[in-house]
Structure formats: C-alpha cells, structure tokens
Protein backbone atom coordinates (compact mmCIF):
# COMPACT_ATOMS: atom_id res chain seq x y z
CA MET A 1 11.86 -16.67 5.27
CA THR A 2 13.42 -14.29 2.76
CA VAL A 3 13.48 -10.50 3.08
CA ALA A 4 11.11 -10.28 0.10
CA PHE A 5 8.62 -12.57 1.87
CA TRP A 6 8.83 -10.42 5.01
CA CYS A 7 8.06 -7.46 2.76
CA VAL A 8 4.92 -9.26 1.55
CA PHE A 9 3.91 -9.62 5.19
CA ILE A 10 4.48 -5.89 5.75
CA ALA A 11 2.53 -5.09 2.58
CA CYS A 12 -0.38 -7.12 4.00
CA LEU A 13 -0.37 -4.89 7.07
CA LEU A 14 -0.36 -1.60 5.17
CA PRO A 15 -4.09 -1.56 4.28
CA ILE A 16 -4.93 -2.38 7.89
CA ILE A 17 -2.73 0.40 9.23
CA THR A 18 -4.28 2.80 6.72
CA ALA A 19 -7.71 1.67 7.95
CA TRP A 20 -6.73 2.95 11.40
CA ALA A 21 -6.09 6.36 9.85
CA CYS A 22 -9.55 6.12 8.27
CA ALA A 23 -11.04 5.38 11.67
CA TYR A 24 -9.38 8.48 13.09
CA PHE A 25 -10.85 10.66 10.33
CA ARG A 26 -14.28 9.03 10.62
CA GLY A 27 -14.34 9.79 14.32
CA LYS A 28 -13.09 13.31 13.73
CA GLN A 29 -15.63 14.11 11.01
CA PHE A 30 -18.69 12.29 12.38
CA GLY A 31 -18.01 12.23 16.12
CA LYS A 32 -18.22 8.45 16.17
CA ILE A 33 -17.53 5.44 14.02
CA ASP A 34 -20.60 3.75 12.54
CA ASN A 35 -19.63 0.09 12.66
CA LYS A 36 -23.09 -1.02 11.46
CA HIS A 37 -22.77 0.87 8.16
CA PRO A 38 -19.07 1.63 7.74
CA ARG A 39 -19.12 1.78 3.94
CA ALA A 40 -21.89 4.36 3.97
CA GLN A 41 -19.85 6.42 6.40
CA TYR A 42 -16.69 6.03 4.29
CA ALA A 43 -18.64 7.33 1.29
CA GLN A 44 -19.45 10.52 3.20
CA LEU A 45 -15.87 11.29 4.21
CA GLU A 46 -14.40 14.55 2.95
CA GLY A 47 -10.90 15.99 2.69
CA ALA A 48 -8.13 14.07 4.42
CA GLY A 49 -10.56 11.36 5.50
CA ALA A 50 -11.65 10.69 1.94
CA ARG A 51 -8.01 10.62 0.86
CA ALA A 52 -7.16 8.18 3.67
CA TYR A 53 -9.92 5.88 2.50
CA ALA A 54 -8.70 6.11 -1.10
CA ALA A 55 -5.16 5.31 0.09
CA GLN A 56 -6.49 2.26 1.93
CA GLN A 57 -8.31 1.05 -1.19
CA ASN A 58 -5.15 1.54 -3.24
CA ALA A 59 -3.12 -0.45 -0.70
CA TRP A 60 -5.50 -3.38 -1.18
CA GLU A 61 -5.23 -3.00 -4.97
CA ALA A 62 -1.41 -2.96 -4.95
CA LEU A 63 -1.09 -5.99 -2.67
CA PRO A 64 -1.84 -8.78 -5.19
CA VAL A 65 0.50 -7.30 -7.81
CA PHE A 66 3.37 -7.11 -5.33
CA THR A 67 2.64 -10.56 -3.92
CA ALA A 68 2.61 -12.06 -7.42
CA ALA A 69 5.86 -10.28 -8.33
CA VAL A 70 7.64 -11.60 -5.24
CA LEU A 71 6.35 -15.15 -5.79
CA VAL A 72 7.28 -15.16 -9.48
CA ALA A 73 10.78 -13.88 -8.67
CA HIS A 74 11.18 -16.52 -5.97
CA LEU A 75 9.92 -19.36 -8.18
CA ALA A 76 12.19 -18.22 -11.02
CA GLY A 77 15.19 -18.45 -8.71
CA VAL A 78 16.05 -14.76 -8.61
CA ASP A 79 18.95 -14.01 -6.26
CA PRO A 80 17.26 -13.24 -2.91
CA SER A 81 19.54 -10.25 -2.29
CA LYS A 82 18.37 -8.67 -5.56
CA SER A 83 14.70 -9.39 -4.98
CA ALA A 84 15.09 -8.03 -1.44
CA ILE A 85 16.17 -4.63 -2.77
CA ALA A 86 13.17 -4.36 -5.07
CA ALA A 87 10.83 -5.53 -2.31
CA GLU A 88 12.26 -3.01 0.16
CA VAL A 89 11.89 -0.22 -2.39
CA PHE A 90 8.25 -1.22 -2.82
CA ILE A 91 7.63 -1.12 0.92
CA VAL A 92 9.23 2.30 1.37
CA ALA A 93 7.20 3.67 -1.56
CA ARG A 94 3.99 2.15 -0.22
CA ILE A 95 4.58 3.55 3.27
CA LEU A 96 5.06 7.00 1.80
CA TYR A 97 2.07 6.68 -0.53
CA PRO A 98 -0.70 7.14 2.10
CA VAL A 99 1.32 9.82 3.88
CA PHE A 100 1.49 11.86 0.68
CA TYR A 101 -2.13 11.04 -0.19
CA ILE A 102 -3.54 12.16 3.16
CA ALA A 103 -1.34 15.28 3.10
CA ASN A 104 -2.75 16.09 -0.36
CA LYS A 105 0.69 16.01 -2.01
CA ASP A 106 -0.52 14.64 -5.34
CA ALA A 107 2.78 14.79 -7.26
CA LEU A 108 4.66 13.00 -4.48
CA ARG A 109 1.83 10.48 -4.16
CA SER A 110 2.05 9.73 -7.87
CA LEU A 111 5.82 9.41 -7.63
CA ALA A 112 5.47 6.93 -4.75
CA PHE A 113 2.95 4.96 -6.80
CA ILE A 114 5.28 4.85 -9.83
CA VAL A 115 8.26 3.80 -7.71
CA GLY A 116 6.22 0.99 -6.12
CA LEU A 117 4.94 -0.16 -9.49
CA GLY A 118 8.48 0.02 -10.87
CA ALA A 119 9.69 -2.24 -8.07
CA CYS A 120 7.04 -4.81 -9.01
CA ILE A 121 7.99 -4.60 -12.67
CA ALA A 122 11.67 -5.00 -11.70
CA LEU A 123 10.83 -8.22 -9.85
CA PHE A 124 9.04 -9.60 -12.92
CA ILE A 125 11.93 -8.58 -15.19
CA MET A 126 14.46 -10.23 -12.87
CA ALA A 127 12.39 -13.41 -13.12
CA ALA A 128 12.41 -13.38 -16.93
C-alpha cells in the first residue's frame, strides 16, 4: 500500500477522533452524553464543544475530496513519492485544523483548511 493510501486511512480516522473530542465536550457541558438523541445534544453545544462538532463535520466533508484526489493521482500514474508528499501535507493540515478550530484560532484554522485544500488540488494537477 502506498503512503498516499495510508494517508487516506488516516484521513478516515480523523472524523472519528474528532468525535471523541465532541464526546468530551458533551459530557463537560451536559454532565452526560445523550446517546438516544445525540444530534439534538450536538445542536445545543456552545463554545469549544460547538467548534469541535463543526470540526468533525468538516473532517467528514474533506474526506471525499482527498480520497478522490489520491485515487485520481494513483490511477493517472503519478510518481508515488510525489503524491506521498501532497498526501502527508494534507494529513498534517487536517490534524491541525480541529486543534485550531477548538482553540478558536480562526486565522490558523483557515490557513490549515487552505493548505489541505491546496494539497488536494496539487494531487489533481499532478494527475493532469
């Protein structure tokens, strides 16, 4: 399996890991996690908890774009060492993204988003 494919696997884990942060904030804000109506509880989150939930949603939204970019690059025969760099940049940016989001560092969060998106665009351009 290529490095870029391992990065897809890691990207699949990021929303799940961010969900654990959401669980922490749900427990902190509400005293318990409502597993019967989790979406209603998510909607009531405030502050860092609301930002953690938004970061989780964004991780799910970014996943198909990154997965498509890696697959297109692979199918186009892009040099695996080049696609690995772009994929690793994406992963680093996407690990930092929820950290900055939860910490309410909006400019850094936006920068991480742009870097991650840029890595996806780079993969598509390499495949052209």
